[in-house]
Protein backbone atom coordinates (compact mmCIF):
# COMPACT_ATOMS: atom_id res chain seq x y z
CA MET A 1 -1.52 -21.13 -42.12
CA ARG A 2 -3.16 -22.07 -38.83
CA ARG A 3 0.23 -22.68 -37.25
CA SER A 4 1.49 -19.25 -38.34
CA THR A 5 -1.62 -17.58 -36.99
CA LEU A 6 -1.24 -19.39 -33.68
CA ILE A 7 2.42 -18.41 -33.38
CA LEU A 8 1.57 -14.79 -34.15
CA PHE A 9 -1.21 -14.84 -31.54
CA LEU A 10 1.13 -16.28 -28.90
CA LEU A 11 3.82 -13.70 -29.67
CA VAL A 12 1.35 -10.85 -29.40
CA THR A 13 -0.03 -12.26 -26.16
CA LEU A 14 3.42 -12.70 -24.65
CA TYR A 15 4.45 -9.20 -25.73
CA SER A 16 1.34 -7.66 -24.21
CA TYR A 17 1.82 -9.62 -20.99
CA ALA A 18 5.46 -8.60 -20.79
CA GLN A 19 4.48 -4.97 -21.22
CA GLU A 20 2.37 -5.25 -18.05
CA LEU A 21 5.17 -6.70 -15.97
CA THR A 22 7.81 -3.97 -15.99
CA ILE A 23 9.64 -2.95 -12.84
CA ASN A 24 12.43 -0.42 -13.34
CA GLU A 25 15.53 -0.06 -11.18
CA SER A 26 13.81 2.43 -8.86
CA GLY A 27 10.97 -0.04 -8.39
CA LYS A 28 13.41 -2.84 -7.59
CA LYS A 29 15.12 -0.59 -5.06
CA LEU A 30 11.79 0.28 -3.45
CA LYS A 31 10.83 -3.39 -3.22
CA LYS A 32 14.15 -4.18 -1.52
CA PHE A 33 13.55 -1.34 0.94
CA TYR A 34 10.05 -2.61 1.74
CA LEU A 35 11.22 -6.16 2.34
CA GLY A 36 13.97 -4.81 4.60
CA LEU A 37 11.35 -3.34 6.94
CA ASP A 38 10.58 -6.89 8.16
CA VAL A 39 6.91 -6.05 8.73
CA GLU A 40 6.02 -9.72 9.16
CA HIS A 41 7.92 -9.69 12.48
CA LEU A 42 7.49 -6.06 13.57
CA TRP A 43 4.50 -3.74 14.15
CA LEU A 44 2.57 -6.83 15.21
CA ALA A 45 -1.03 -6.59 16.39
CA GLY A 46 -2.02 -7.34 19.96
CA GLY A 47 0.34 -5.12 21.91
CA HIS A 48 1.82 -1.66 22.17
CA VAL A 49 4.83 -1.02 19.91
CA ASN A 50 7.41 1.66 19.36
CA CYS A 51 6.00 3.42 16.30
CA GLN A 52 9.45 3.99 14.81
CA THR A 53 10.99 0.54 15.29
CA GLY A 54 7.90 -1.66 15.38
CA LEU A 55 9.25 -3.44 18.48
CA PRO A 56 7.08 -4.12 21.54
CA ASP A 57 7.74 -1.39 24.09
CA ALA A 58 5.20 -1.88 26.88
CA PRO A 59 5.19 -5.59 27.86
CA SER A 60 3.18 -4.96 31.04
CA THR A 61 0.34 -3.04 29.40
CA THR A 62 -3.15 -4.51 29.39
CA GLU A 63 -4.17 -2.39 26.38
CA ILE A 64 -4.90 -4.40 23.24
CA GLU A 65 -3.74 -2.85 19.97
CA LYS A 66 -5.59 -4.59 17.15
CA SER A 67 -3.51 -3.15 14.32
CA HIS A 68 -0.59 -0.87 13.53
CA SER A 69 -1.25 -0.22 9.85
CA SER A 70 -1.17 3.56 10.08
CA VAL A 71 2.02 3.87 12.14
CA PHE A 72 3.75 1.32 9.91
CA VAL A 73 2.93 3.37 6.79
CA ALA A 74 3.93 6.56 8.61
CA GLU A 75 7.33 5.10 9.47
CA LEU A 76 7.76 3.67 5.99
CA CYS A 77 7.18 7.14 4.56
CA HIS A 78 9.45 8.76 7.14
CA ARG A 79 12.36 6.49 6.18
CA GLN A 80 11.82 7.53 2.57
CA GLY A 81 11.92 11.21 3.50
CA LEU A 82 8.17 11.63 2.96
CA TYR A 83 5.64 13.10 5.33
CA ILE A 84 2.25 11.73 6.23
CA LEU A 85 0.46 12.22 9.58
CA ARG A 86 2.43 10.35 12.23
CA PRO A 87 3.04 10.08 15.97
CA PRO A 88 4.07 11.83 18.16
CA GLN A 89 2.78 14.93 16.36
CA HIS A 90 -0.55 13.17 15.85
CA PRO A 91 -2.12 10.51 18.12
CA GLN A 92 -2.28 6.92 16.90
CA ASP A 93 -5.97 6.57 17.74
CA MET A 94 -8.00 6.67 14.50
CA LEU A 95 -4.81 7.64 12.67
CA ALA A 96 -5.70 5.89 9.38
CA ASN A 97 -8.97 7.84 9.18
CA ASP A 98 -7.12 11.09 9.89
CA GLN A 99 -4.41 10.25 7.36
CA CYS A 100 -7.15 9.76 4.77
CA ASP A 101 -8.57 13.19 5.53
CA TRP A 102 -5.13 14.80 5.55
CA LEU A 103 -4.25 13.41 2.12
CA THR A 104 -7.02 15.58 0.62
CA THR A 105 -5.46 18.80 1.93
CA ALA A 106 -3.26 21.41 0.29
CA GLU A 107 -0.52 20.53 2.78
CA ALA A 108 -0.46 16.94 1.48
CA LYS A 109 -0.18 18.25 -2.08
CA ILE A 110 2.80 20.38 -1.06
CA GLN A 111 4.34 17.26 0.49
CA GLY A 112 4.13 15.55 -2.91
CA TRP A 113 0.98 13.43 -2.57
CA ASN A 114 -1.37 13.11 -5.54
CA LEU A 115 -4.65 11.23 -5.80
CA ILE A 116 -4.71 8.53 -8.46
CA ALA A 117 -7.90 8.96 -10.48
CA GLY A 118 -9.38 8.15 -13.87
CA ASP A 119 -9.37 4.80 -15.64
CA ASP A 120 -7.50 1.67 -14.50
CA ILE A 121 -6.74 3.02 -11.03
CA TYR A 122 -5.39 -0.32 -9.85
CA LYS A 123 -3.03 -0.49 -12.82
CA GLN A 124 -1.93 3.11 -12.31
CA ALA A 125 -1.21 2.43 -8.64
CA GLN A 126 0.82 -0.68 -9.43
CA ASP A 127 2.68 1.12 -12.21
CA TYR A 128 3.68 4.04 -9.99
CA ALA A 129 5.02 1.61 -7.37
CA ASN A 130 6.87 -0.35 -10.06
CA LYS A 131 8.56 2.91 -11.09
CA GLY A 132 9.79 3.61 -7.57
CA HIS A 133 7.07 5.82 -6.10
CA VAL A 134 5.58 5.28 -2.66
CA VAL A 135 1.89 4.59 -3.20
CA VAL A 136 -0.54 4.33 -0.30
CA ALA A 137 -3.88 2.54 -0.44
CA ILE A 138 -6.15 3.97 2.24
CA TYR A 139 -9.68 3.40 3.51
CA LYS A 140 -11.57 5.69 5.89
CA ASN A 141 -14.06 3.92 8.10
CA ALA A 142 -17.35 5.84 8.15
CA ALA A 143 -18.57 4.05 11.27
CA PRO A 144 -18.24 6.09 14.49
CA ASN A 145 -15.16 5.21 16.54
CA ALA A 146 -14.05 2.60 14.00
CA THR A 147 -10.59 2.72 12.51
CA GLY A 148 -9.74 2.61 8.82
CA HIS A 149 -6.84 0.86 7.16
CA VAL A 150 -3.79 1.88 5.14
CA ALA A 151 -1.09 -0.01 3.25
CA ALA A 152 1.61 0.63 0.67
CA VAL A 153 1.63 -0.81 -2.85
CA MET A 154 4.46 -3.32 -3.28
CA PRO A 155 6.28 -3.32 -6.65
CA ALA A 156 5.21 -6.54 -8.34
CA LEU A 157 4.89 -8.34 -11.66
CA ILE A 158 1.16 -8.71 -12.14
CA SER A 159 -1.19 -9.04 -15.09
CA SER A 160 -4.23 -6.93 -15.90
CA LYS A 161 -6.43 -9.94 -15.13
CA GLU A 162 -4.94 -10.26 -11.63
CA LEU A 163 -5.29 -6.52 -11.07
CA SER A 164 -8.97 -6.54 -11.97
CA GLU A 165 -9.68 -9.59 -9.82
CA GLU A 166 -7.50 -8.89 -6.76
CA GLY A 167 -6.11 -5.35 -7.07
CA PRO A 168 -2.44 -4.37 -6.73
CA LYS A 169 -0.03 -6.09 -4.38
CA ILE A 170 0.45 -4.42 -1.00
CA ILE A 171 2.69 -4.54 2.06
CA MET A 172 0.84 -3.96 5.32
CA ALA A 173 0.54 -4.25 9.05
CA GLY A 174 -2.86 -5.29 10.34
CA THR A 175 -4.52 -8.09 12.24
CA HIS A 176 -1.87 -10.10 10.39
CA ASN A 177 1.16 -8.54 8.70
CA PHE A 178 2.18 -9.28 5.12
CA ASN A 179 5.09 -8.41 2.85
CA ASN A 180 3.08 -9.22 -0.24
CA ILE A 181 -0.68 -9.71 -0.35
CA SER A 182 -3.41 -8.64 -2.74
CA LEU A 183 -5.41 -5.49 -2.04
CA LYS A 184 -8.61 -7.54 -1.93
CA ALA A 185 -7.26 -9.92 0.70
CA GLY A 186 -5.48 -7.24 2.71
CA PHE A 187 -8.55 -5.02 3.03
CA LYS A 188 -11.10 -7.83 3.41
CA HIS A 189 -12.07 -6.78 6.95
CA HIS A 190 -12.93 -3.28 5.75
CA VAL A 191 -14.35 -3.73 2.24
CA THR A 192 -16.97 -6.32 1.34
CA THR A 193 -17.78 -5.34 -2.25
CA TRP A 194 -15.51 -5.51 -5.29
CA PRO A 195 -14.14 -3.48 -6.99
CA ALA A 196 -13.50 -1.63 -3.74
CA SER A 197 -14.65 1.92 -4.42
CA GLY A 198 -13.96 3.00 -0.84
CA ILE A 199 -10.19 2.54 -1.15
CA LEU A 200 -8.26 5.57 -2.39
CA PHE A 201 -4.74 5.59 -3.79
CA TYR A 202 -2.18 8.36 -3.47
CA TYR A 203 1.31 8.37 -4.92
CA ASN A 204 4.19 10.61 -3.97
CA VAL A 205 6.01 12.40 -6.76
CA LYS A 206 9.43 11.61 -5.25
CA GLU A 207 11.15 8.41 -6.32
CA THR A 208 12.59 6.01 -3.78
CA LYS A 209 15.76 7.04 -1.94
């Protein structure tokens, strides 16, 4: 009897876990697209880059660029046929903060962006990405003259426990660039409490190209 109960428990546990780990074909396609951006070698901090290619374009400049998170996400969206504030129409300075403000506007809604709200926001964000939707995680810095941060949610197989402890997986440019890092680790320079209530998530209604 005990053995049967244990087997049943394990089957239910495995079924529930498997239900959390679904990535459809659109999600797999989006993940392949993200990895193809080669963000770990492009849009690197410390120098000026071409916003579209991520390559250094001003080797003689003395200006230090700490991060390119916002232009990376802008280009990522552009290549998917999605609009979010981007250079040259909008300056790069404080761009993540301005992108956060823009995402609340009617124009952003028309462009397909929707705020993720309600229960299990982290799970919703990961699920939308796993189904092939571009999802941005964005933080507006309230400090004067201090930049925010923005990343995209990477399709990933992740459990509810991991989501609650670390948040969804993201791809980002920043002080260091990552193809796949947890939300908690990726935003650690901007958010010191957990869960991170200051980070907002928006998904676009269009599926990946």
